[in-house]
Amino acid sequence: MEKLKALFYSLPVGLQKALRPLIKGVRYLTGLRIVSGPIAYGHNKLYTAHNADFLKDKSFMHAYEEAAVQTGFTHPAPWRVLVNCWAIRRAVQECKGDLVECGTWLGTTALTGMIYSGFLSNNHSKRFFLVDSWEGIDESNLFAGESIHYVKDKNDKYSGIFPEIERKFKDKHGVVLVKGFVPEILQQIDSELISYLHIDMNAAHPEVEALKYFWPKLSQGAVVVLDDYGFKGRHAQKNAIDALCIQLGTTVLPLPTGQGLILKP
């Protein structure tokens, strides 16, 4: 589908107009949808003709590209990374408290935000906790409907990577690596005030427990970014988070990137 859309928008405008009536008829039979107008952004199943000028923002693109070089991974969805960068900059410059990411893997998203926000400078006392088992997902805590095959695929990507993570982050100002499974490891995070929380653990149980644990510690205006909230096939995670939010008296803003956003009042 992504290749088809890219091909369509590579055609001359006149040919695009000629093909639209045919596409409009076919889409009711196939479910095909084409963005109306020249595509401004097309990554990771998100296509839009709306403004995507952040792709021309030199400070963002420098952070995005530098993090890719340092971690060895180019994130496939820059708009998702932008959401985290916005939240991290807000946490560093406008809110009180430390920053926490639960589910770091190679650290590409976190490092992009650190570079973009200026977190790595020495003129602040905030800490950025990167929390991960670096061993994969604990299969014993999967909810009904969560795919064991998906988990095994994820776990294979974690094998033996932690020494390299330590090497890449050991000299970065304010960064604290916390290795272990959530929720058991959470009490090792000795911060009482949190300004940013990123939850990306690909499973409902640790994500719910992380939000529950950190919610009382979130400072006013703190941002919670839920990475998988709206992803196809992640209904167990969304439903569990929604149920917890009812208890917490808050709601999640779903984003077209697949993320969810919560602001602490």
Protein backbone atom coordinates (compact mmCIF):
# COMPACT_ATOMS: atom_id res chain seq x y z
CA MET A 1 0.00 0.00 0.00
CA GLU A 2 2.78 2.44 0.90
CA LYS A 3 4.57 1.77 -2.41
CA LEU A 4 1.30 2.19 -4.34
CA LYS A 5 0.64 5.57 -2.80
CA ALA A 6 4.20 6.73 -3.39
CA LEU A 7 3.91 5.61 -7.01
CA PHE A 8 0.59 7.44 -7.45
CA TYR A 9 2.01 10.75 -6.22
CA SER A 10 5.06 10.38 -8.43
CA LEU A 11 2.82 10.57 -11.51
CA PRO A 12 2.18 13.86 -13.36
CA VAL A 13 -0.67 15.88 -11.86
CA GLY A 14 -2.75 15.52 -15.00
CA LEU A 15 -2.50 11.75 -14.91
CA GLN A 16 -3.38 11.75 -11.20
CA LYS A 17 -6.59 13.66 -11.99
CA ALA A 18 -7.46 11.26 -14.78
CA LEU A 19 -6.99 8.24 -12.53
CA ARG A 20 -8.95 9.56 -9.54
CA PRO A 21 -12.44 8.56 -10.82
CA LEU A 22 -11.20 5.02 -11.38
CA ILE A 23 -9.58 4.89 -7.93
CA LYS A 24 -12.74 6.30 -6.34
CA GLY A 25 -14.77 3.45 -7.83
CA VAL A 26 -12.24 0.76 -6.92
CA ARG A 27 -11.78 1.84 -3.31
CA TYR A 28 -15.32 0.83 -2.32
CA LEU A 29 -14.52 -2.72 -3.42
CA THR A 30 -11.00 -2.92 -1.99
CA GLY A 31 -10.96 -0.53 0.96
CA LEU A 32 -8.19 1.46 -0.77
CA ARG A 33 -7.82 5.04 0.39
CA ILE A 34 -5.68 7.70 -1.28
CA VAL A 35 -4.87 11.01 0.39
CA SER A 36 -6.39 13.90 -1.54
CA GLY A 37 -3.68 16.20 -2.85
CA PRO A 38 0.12 15.99 -2.88
CA ILE A 39 1.34 13.92 0.05
CA ALA A 40 3.33 15.92 2.63
CA TYR A 41 4.17 13.00 4.90
CA GLY A 42 4.04 9.25 4.38
CA HIS A 43 5.69 7.04 6.98
CA ASN A 44 4.67 4.10 9.15
CA LYS A 45 1.06 3.89 7.84
CA LEU A 46 0.39 7.62 8.29
CA TYR A 47 -0.28 9.61 5.12
CA THR A 48 -1.38 13.22 5.00
CA ALA A 49 -1.46 16.23 2.71
CA HIS A 50 -1.40 18.50 5.77
CA ASN A 51 1.59 20.58 6.75
CA ALA A 52 4.69 18.60 7.70
CA ASP A 53 7.22 21.42 7.79
CA PHE A 54 8.96 19.86 10.79
CA LEU A 55 10.75 17.70 8.20
CA LYS A 56 12.52 20.93 7.16
CA ASP A 57 13.30 21.96 10.75
CA LYS A 58 17.09 21.83 10.93
CA SER A 59 17.20 21.34 14.70
CA PHE A 60 14.78 18.41 14.59
CA MET A 61 16.35 16.75 11.56
CA HIS A 62 19.84 17.13 13.07
CA ALA A 63 18.66 15.42 16.26
CA TYR A 64 16.81 12.72 14.31
CA GLU A 65 19.79 11.94 12.08
CA GLU A 66 22.42 12.17 14.83
CA ALA A 67 20.47 9.80 17.08
CA ALA A 68 20.22 7.35 14.18
CA VAL A 69 23.99 7.45 13.74
CA GLN A 70 24.74 7.01 17.44
CA THR A 71 22.25 4.19 18.05
CA GLY A 72 22.55 2.46 14.70
CA PHE A 73 18.80 2.67 14.04
CA THR A 74 16.75 5.11 11.96
CA HIS A 75 13.27 5.41 13.46
CA PRO A 76 10.69 4.64 10.73
CA ALA A 77 8.18 7.27 11.90
CA PRO A 78 9.65 10.77 12.32
CA TRP A 79 6.28 12.29 13.26
CA ARG A 80 6.06 9.90 16.21
CA VAL A 81 9.55 10.94 17.26
CA LEU A 82 8.53 14.61 16.92
CA VAL A 83 5.73 14.07 19.46
CA ASN A 84 8.30 12.77 21.94
CA CYS A 85 10.70 15.60 21.14
CA TRP A 86 7.97 18.18 21.79
CA ALA A 87 7.15 16.53 25.11
CA ILE A 88 10.80 16.21 26.16
CA ARG A 89 11.56 19.85 25.34
CA ARG A 90 8.49 20.89 27.33
CA ALA A 91 9.65 18.76 30.27
CA VAL A 92 13.19 20.17 30.17
CA GLN A 93 12.25 23.82 29.72
CA GLU A 94 8.81 24.29 31.28
CA CYS A 95 8.02 21.60 33.87
CA LYS A 96 9.50 20.47 37.16
CA GLY A 97 10.92 17.00 37.62
CA ASP A 98 12.94 14.27 35.99
CA LEU A 99 12.17 12.35 32.81
CA VAL A 100 11.39 8.65 32.47
CA GLU A 101 11.15 6.32 29.50
CA CYS A 102 9.83 2.81 30.10
CA GLY A 103 10.80 0.73 27.10
CA THR A 104 14.00 2.08 25.57
CA TRP A 105 15.44 -0.68 23.34
CA LEU A 106 18.29 1.04 21.43
CA GLY A 107 17.42 4.47 22.83
CA THR A 108 16.85 6.20 19.47
CA THR A 109 13.69 8.11 20.44
CA ALA A 110 15.07 9.20 23.81
CA LEU A 111 18.39 10.32 22.36
CA THR A 112 16.66 12.31 19.60
CA GLY A 113 14.70 14.14 22.29
CA MET A 114 17.81 14.72 24.40
CA ILE A 115 19.66 16.31 21.48
CA TYR A 116 16.63 18.29 20.31
CA SER A 117 15.82 19.70 23.75
CA GLY A 118 19.39 20.43 24.86
CA PHE A 119 19.05 17.95 27.73
CA LEU A 120 22.65 16.77 27.33
CA SER A 121 24.05 20.17 28.36
CA ASN A 122 25.42 20.57 31.88
CA ASN A 123 23.28 23.53 32.93
CA HIS A 124 20.49 21.57 34.66
CA SER A 125 20.08 18.96 37.39
CA LYS A 126 17.34 16.89 35.78
CA ARG A 127 17.84 13.17 35.22
CA PHE A 128 16.56 11.07 32.34
CA PHE A 129 15.83 7.50 33.45
CA LEU A 130 15.92 4.92 30.66
CA VAL A 131 14.10 1.84 31.93
CA ASP A 132 14.17 -1.50 30.14
CA SER A 133 14.76 -5.17 30.81
CA TRP A 134 17.01 -5.24 27.74
CA GLU A 135 15.97 -8.88 27.69
CA GLY A 136 12.57 -8.47 26.01
CA ILE A 137 9.04 -8.89 27.32
CA ASP A 138 8.08 -11.07 30.28
CA GLU A 139 5.82 -13.62 28.59
CA SER A 140 4.26 -14.73 31.90
CA ASN A 141 2.35 -11.42 32.22
CA LEU A 142 0.69 -11.26 28.81
CA PHE A 143 -3.00 -10.34 28.73
CA ALA A 144 -5.59 -12.29 26.75
CA GLY A 145 -5.33 -11.36 23.09
CA GLU A 146 -1.64 -10.41 23.19
CA SER A 147 0.37 -12.33 20.61
CA ILE A 148 3.05 -14.65 21.92
CA HIS A 149 4.52 -14.77 18.40
CA TYR A 150 4.87 -10.99 18.32
CA VAL A 151 6.55 -11.07 21.73
CA LYS A 152 9.04 -13.72 20.67
CA ASP A 153 9.95 -11.64 17.62
CA LYS A 154 10.55 -8.61 19.84
CA ASN A 155 12.56 -10.62 22.36
CA ASP A 156 14.91 -11.88 19.68
CA LYS A 157 15.94 -8.26 19.00
CA TYR A 158 17.05 -7.76 22.62
CA SER A 159 19.56 -10.57 22.80
CA GLY A 160 22.94 -9.36 24.07
CA ILE A 161 22.46 -5.64 23.38
CA PHE A 162 22.80 -4.19 26.91
CA PRO A 163 26.63 -3.85 27.01
CA GLU A 164 26.42 -1.73 23.87
CA ILE A 165 23.63 0.40 25.38
CA GLU A 166 25.80 1.00 28.46
CA ARG A 167 28.73 2.06 26.31
CA LYS A 168 26.69 4.51 24.25
CA PHE A 169 24.98 6.23 27.18
CA LYS A 170 27.58 6.06 29.99
CA ASP A 171 29.05 9.54 29.36
CA LYS A 172 25.79 11.34 28.56
CA HIS A 173 24.93 13.98 31.15
CA GLY A 174 21.94 13.19 33.35
CA VAL A 175 21.17 9.78 31.80
CA VAL A 176 20.48 6.90 34.21
CA LEU A 177 20.02 3.35 32.91
CA VAL A 178 17.67 1.17 34.97
CA LYS A 179 17.77 -2.47 33.91
CA GLY A 180 14.98 -4.83 34.92
CA PHE A 181 11.37 -5.78 34.35
CA VAL A 182 8.49 -3.38 35.05
CA PRO A 183 6.87 -3.15 37.54
CA GLU A 184 9.43 -4.86 39.81
CA ILE A 185 12.19 -2.41 38.89
CA LEU A 186 10.23 0.82 39.32
CA GLN A 187 11.14 1.43 42.95
CA GLN A 188 14.77 1.81 41.93
CA ILE A 189 13.85 5.13 40.31
CA ASP A 190 14.42 7.49 43.22
CA SER A 191 12.73 10.56 41.74
CA GLU A 192 9.67 11.98 43.46
CA LEU A 193 8.75 14.40 40.66
CA ILE A 194 8.42 13.45 36.98
CA SER A 195 7.91 15.88 34.08
CA TYR A 196 7.85 13.41 31.18
CA LEU A 197 6.83 9.77 30.93
CA HIS A 198 7.18 7.72 27.77
CA ILE A 199 5.61 4.24 27.89
CA ASP A 200 6.57 1.82 25.12
CA MET A 201 6.72 -1.74 26.44
CA ASN A 202 4.53 -3.50 23.86
CA ALA A 203 2.46 -5.28 26.53
CA ALA A 204 -0.50 -4.21 28.66
CA HIS A 205 0.59 -5.34 32.14
CA PRO A 206 3.86 -3.37 32.49
CA GLU A 207 2.37 -0.33 30.76
CA VAL A 208 -0.59 -0.14 33.12
CA GLU A 209 1.63 -0.68 36.14
CA ALA A 210 4.06 2.03 35.02
CA LEU A 211 1.32 4.63 34.54
CA LYS A 212 -0.27 3.67 37.85
CA TYR A 213 3.07 3.97 39.69
CA PHE A 214 4.18 7.28 38.20
CA TRP A 215 0.83 9.08 38.08
CA PRO A 216 1.08 10.54 41.64
CA LYS A 217 4.66 11.63 40.89
CA LEU A 218 3.86 13.54 37.69
CA SER A 219 4.27 17.30 38.06
CA GLN A 220 1.65 19.79 36.90
CA GLY A 221 1.69 19.96 33.11
CA ALA A 222 3.74 16.78 32.75
CA VAL A 223 3.24 14.84 29.51
CA VAL A 224 2.67 11.10 29.17
CA VAL A 225 3.28 9.63 25.71
CA LEU A 226 1.85 6.16 25.06
CA ASP A 227 3.69 4.80 22.05
CA ASP A 228 1.44 1.88 21.06
CA TYR A 229 -1.93 3.22 22.19
CA GLY A 230 -3.67 3.30 18.81
CA PHE A 231 -1.74 0.65 16.93
CA LYS A 232 -3.62 -2.03 15.04
CA GLY A 233 -3.67 -5.26 17.01
CA ARG A 234 -2.83 -3.58 20.34
CA HIS A 235 -6.36 -3.51 21.74
CA ALA A 236 -5.31 -5.18 24.98
CA GLN A 237 -2.94 -2.29 25.72
CA LYS A 238 -5.47 0.41 24.79
CA ASN A 239 -8.31 -1.18 26.73
CA ALA A 240 -6.18 -1.64 29.84
CA ILE A 241 -4.92 1.95 29.72
CA ASP A 242 -8.45 3.30 29.15
CA ALA A 243 -9.72 1.36 32.18
CA LEU A 244 -6.93 2.74 34.35
CA CYS A 245 -7.56 6.29 33.14
CA ILE A 246 -11.16 6.04 34.36
CA GLN A 247 -9.78 5.27 37.82
CA LEU A 248 -7.27 8.13 37.57
CA GLY A 249 -9.90 10.61 36.40
CA THR A 250 -8.16 11.41 33.13
CA THR A 251 -8.44 10.64 29.41
CA VAL A 252 -6.09 9.84 26.54
CA LEU A 253 -5.89 11.95 23.39
CA PRO A 254 -5.45 9.51 20.47
CA LEU A 255 -3.04 10.74 17.80
CA PRO A 256 -2.99 9.74 14.11
CA THR A 257 0.60 8.56 14.65
CA GLY A 258 -0.82 5.69 16.72
CA GLN A 259 0.34 7.28 19.98
CA GLY A 260 -1.74 8.46 22.91
CA LEU A 261 -1.16 11.65 24.88
CA ILE A 262 -2.04 12.50 28.48
CA LEU A 263 -1.44 15.84 30.23
CA LYS A 264 -1.25 15.86 34.02
CA PRO A 265 -3.49 18.66 35.36
